[in-house]
N, C-alpha and C. Protein backbone atom coordinates (compact mmCIF):
# COMPACT_ATOMS: atom_id res chain seq x y z
N MET A 1 54.77 137.29 76.36
CA MET A 1 55.10 137.78 77.48
C MET A 1 56.25 139.19 77.81
N MET A 2 57.49 138.62 77.42
CA MET A 2 58.55 139.70 77.68
C MET A 2 58.07 141.24 76.88
N LYS A 3 57.36 141.32 75.80
CA LYS A 3 57.09 142.58 75.47
C LYS A 3 55.61 143.09 76.52
N GLU A 4 55.17 142.15 76.79
CA GLU A 4 54.01 142.73 78.15
C GLU A 4 55.07 143.58 79.29
N ILE A 5 55.94 143.19 79.46
CA ILE A 5 56.34 143.47 80.68
C ILE A 5 57.41 144.64 80.43
N CYS A 6 57.45 144.63 79.66
CA CYS A 6 58.98 145.69 78.76
C CYS A 6 57.83 147.23 78.05
N ASN A 7 56.70 147.18 78.16
CA ASN A 7 56.00 147.87 78.26
C ASN A 7 55.73 148.94 79.27
N VAL A 8 55.59 147.70 80.30
CA VAL A 8 54.98 148.21 81.63
C VAL A 8 56.08 148.84 82.25
N ALA A 9 57.29 148.30 81.93
CA ALA A 9 58.71 149.43 82.48
C ALA A 9 58.74 150.41 81.81
N VAL A 10 58.35 150.98 80.64
CA VAL A 10 58.87 151.58 79.86
C VAL A 10 57.45 152.51 80.60
N PHE A 11 56.42 152.33 81.03
CA PHE A 11 54.78 153.27 81.63
C PHE A 11 55.26 153.83 82.55
N ILE A 12 55.58 153.00 83.39
CA ILE A 12 56.29 152.98 84.82
C ILE A 12 57.44 154.59 85.08
N PHE A 13 58.47 153.97 84.22
CA PHE A 13 59.37 154.65 83.84
C PHE A 13 58.91 156.32 83.64
N THR A 14 58.07 156.15 82.56
CA THR A 14 57.76 157.47 81.81
C THR A 14 56.45 158.25 82.67
N LEU A 15 55.81 157.39 83.81
CA LEU A 15 55.16 158.22 84.68
C LEU A 15 56.18 158.58 85.62
N THR A 16 56.80 157.81 85.95
CA THR A 16 57.57 158.44 87.45
C THR A 16 58.52 159.53 86.88
N VAL A 17 58.67 160.04 85.67
CA VAL A 17 59.71 161.11 84.99
C VAL A 17 58.81 162.28 85.23
N ASP A 18 57.09 162.06 84.55
CA ASP A 18 56.67 163.20 84.34
C ASP A 18 56.15 163.36 85.88
N VAL A 19 55.85 162.55 86.89
CA VAL A 19 56.14 162.89 88.07
C VAL A 19 57.00 163.55 88.69
N TRP A 20 58.04 163.45 89.02
CA TRP A 20 59.56 163.88 89.26
C TRP A 20 59.01 165.53 88.51
N GLN A 21 59.23 165.64 87.21
CA GLN A 21 59.14 167.04 86.61
C GLN A 21 57.66 167.53 87.39
N HIS A 22 56.43 167.22 87.82
CA HIS A 22 55.66 167.92 88.51
C HIS A 22 56.35 168.64 90.07
N VAL A 23 56.75 167.23 90.55
CA VAL A 23 57.32 167.76 91.86
C VAL A 23 58.86 168.95 92.04
N LEU A 24 59.81 168.97 91.08
CA LEU A 24 60.96 169.81 90.23
C LEU A 24 60.21 171.44 90.13
N ASP A 25 59.12 171.14 89.16
CA ASP A 25 58.52 172.51 89.09
C ASP A 25 57.64 172.98 90.53
N LEU A 26 56.80 172.42 91.28
CA LEU A 26 56.37 173.07 92.37
C LEU A 26 57.69 173.18 93.50
N THR A 27 58.46 172.34 93.27
CA THR A 27 59.81 172.70 94.35
C THR A 27 60.41 174.19 94.00
N LYS A 28 60.22 174.05 92.42
CA LYS A 28 61.14 176.09 92.03
C LYS A 28 59.96 176.96 92.57
N ALA A 29 59.10 176.87 91.92
CA ALA A 29 57.73 177.72 92.42
C ALA A 29 57.49 177.94 93.85
N PHE A 30 57.85 177.01 94.79
CA PHE A 30 57.89 177.85 96.23
C PHE A 30 59.19 177.87 96.57
N SER A 31 60.25 178.16 96.06
CA SER A 31 61.65 178.71 96.45
C SER A 31 61.17 179.94 95.62
N VAL A 32 60.70 180.36 94.51
CA VAL A 32 60.42 181.99 94.08
C VAL A 32 59.88 182.39 94.97
N TYR A 33 58.62 181.71 95.70
CA TYR A 33 57.81 181.99 96.59
C TYR A 33 58.54 182.81 98.13
N PHE A 34 59.30 182.15 98.59
CA PHE A 34 59.85 181.72 100.39
C PHE A 34 60.93 182.95 99.47
N SER A 35 61.93 182.48 98.48
CA SER A 35 62.71 184.05 98.49
C SER A 35 61.97 185.55 97.97
N LEU A 36 61.41 185.46 97.57
CA LEU A 36 59.89 187.17 97.55
C LEU A 36 59.64 187.49 99.19
N TYR A 37 59.27 186.13 99.53
CA TYR A 37 59.19 186.76 101.13
C TYR A 37 60.23 187.06 101.95
N GLN A 38 60.86 186.38 102.01
CA GLN A 38 62.79 186.58 102.45
C GLN A 38 63.06 188.00 102.13
N THR A 39 63.34 188.07 100.91
CA THR A 39 63.16 189.68 100.47
C THR A 39 62.52 190.66 101.01
N LEU A 40 61.33 190.86 101.20
CA LEU A 40 60.45 191.42 101.51
C LEU A 40 60.41 191.95 102.91
N THR A 41 60.56 190.79 103.66
CA THR A 41 60.51 190.92 105.32
C THR A 41 62.27 191.34 105.79
N LEU A 42 62.96 191.13 104.95
CA LEU A 42 64.55 191.19 105.72
C LEU A 42 64.82 193.14 105.09
N HIS A 43 64.15 193.28 103.77
CA HIS A 43 64.00 195.43 103.82
C HIS A 43 62.68 195.51 104.27
N LYS A 44 62.00 195.30 104.24
CA LYS A 44 60.87 195.88 105.23
C LYS A 44 59.87 196.56 104.18
N VAL A 45 59.81 196.11 102.59
CA VAL A 45 59.20 196.99 101.57
C VAL A 45 57.78 197.07 101.85
N ALA A 46 57.05 195.63 102.55
CA ALA A 46 55.49 195.98 102.58
C ALA A 46 55.34 196.71 103.69
N ALA A 47 54.59 196.95 104.00
CA ALA A 47 54.26 197.39 105.45
C ALA A 47 52.97 196.38 106.09
N PRO A 48 52.92 196.75 107.24
CA PRO A 48 52.02 195.61 108.06
C PRO A 48 50.80 195.67 107.67
N GLY A 49 50.68 194.25 107.48
CA GLY A 49 48.99 194.02 106.40
C GLY A 49 49.27 194.27 104.99
N CYS A 50 50.16 194.65 104.36
CA CYS A 50 50.48 194.10 103.30
C CYS A 50 50.02 193.06 102.28
N ARG A 51 49.00 192.34 101.20
CA ARG A 51 49.45 191.71 100.99
C ARG A 51 49.63 191.27 99.79
N ILE A 52 50.78 190.39 99.22
CA ILE A 52 51.00 190.26 98.09
C ILE A 52 50.82 189.35 96.90
N ARG A 53 49.99 188.79 95.76
CA ARG A 53 49.48 187.92 95.08
C ARG A 53 50.77 187.60 94.61
N PHE A 54 50.77 186.23 93.85
CA PHE A 54 51.77 185.84 92.64
C PHE A 54 51.09 184.61 92.07
N SER A 55 51.61 184.56 91.40
CA SER A 55 51.51 183.73 90.00
C SER A 55 52.36 182.93 89.43
N ASP A 56 52.48 181.59 89.10
CA ASP A 56 53.48 181.34 88.73
C ASP A 56 53.02 180.25 87.49
N ARG A 57 53.63 180.50 86.42
CA ARG A 57 53.42 179.40 85.28
C ARG A 57 54.33 178.72 84.71
N SER A 58 54.58 177.23 84.96
CA SER A 58 55.55 176.67 84.38
C SER A 58 54.97 176.31 83.44
N GLU A 59 55.69 175.78 82.25
CA GLU A 59 55.11 175.20 80.69
C GLU A 59 56.08 174.57 80.88
N MET A 60 55.61 173.08 80.65
CA MET A 60 56.73 171.51 81.15
C MET A 60 56.73 171.33 79.64
N ASP A 61 55.29 171.27 79.11
CA ASP A 61 54.84 170.84 77.35
C ASP A 61 53.47 171.54 76.88
N GLU A 62 53.55 171.02 75.52
CA GLU A 62 51.85 171.32 75.09
C GLU A 62 50.85 171.22 75.68
N ASN A 63 50.56 170.11 76.27
CA ASN A 63 50.02 169.56 76.87
C ASN A 63 49.71 169.48 78.58
N THR A 64 50.42 169.54 78.98
CA THR A 64 50.59 170.12 80.71
C THR A 64 50.80 171.38 80.96
N MET A 65 50.32 172.37 81.63
CA MET A 65 50.61 173.54 82.43
C MET A 65 50.14 172.74 84.16
N LEU A 66 51.46 173.78 84.62
CA LEU A 66 51.38 174.17 86.20
C LEU A 66 50.90 175.29 86.42
N ARG A 67 49.90 175.65 87.30
CA ARG A 67 49.69 177.28 88.26
C ARG A 67 49.67 176.67 89.25
N ILE A 68 50.82 177.60 89.94
CA ILE A 68 51.19 177.49 91.26
C ILE A 68 50.36 179.59 91.61
N GLU A 69 49.39 179.40 92.63
CA GLU A 69 48.98 180.86 93.09
C GLU A 69 48.91 180.78 94.60
N GLY A 70 50.09 181.89 94.74
CA GLY A 70 50.06 182.17 96.44
C GLY A 70 49.70 183.75 96.82
N LYS A 71 49.74 183.69 98.09
CA LYS A 71 49.78 184.91 98.62
C LYS A 71 50.66 184.91 99.58
N ILE A 72 50.92 186.25 100.18
CA ILE A 72 51.87 186.59 101.63
C ILE A 72 51.34 187.75 102.60
N ASP A 73 51.29 186.99 103.53
CA ASP A 73 50.31 188.43 104.03
C ASP A 73 51.79 189.14 104.99
N PHE A 74 51.53 190.16 105.55
CA PHE A 74 53.01 190.76 106.67
C PHE A 74 52.06 191.83 107.47
């Protein structure tokens, strides 16, 4: 009985760490997105109507790949 409880606790902890890693990677990607947006807006690099596409790939381990795509319209 105690072994099963320990196994469940380890599974929940591992799952929580994996989910938290996804959240951190998403936060990083959106931070890059908004930094790019602010920089281009501040320096007026992009002409009105310009569309910028970016792709951020964060490799967490061999089995898990997170890909985020977005675009910025001016």
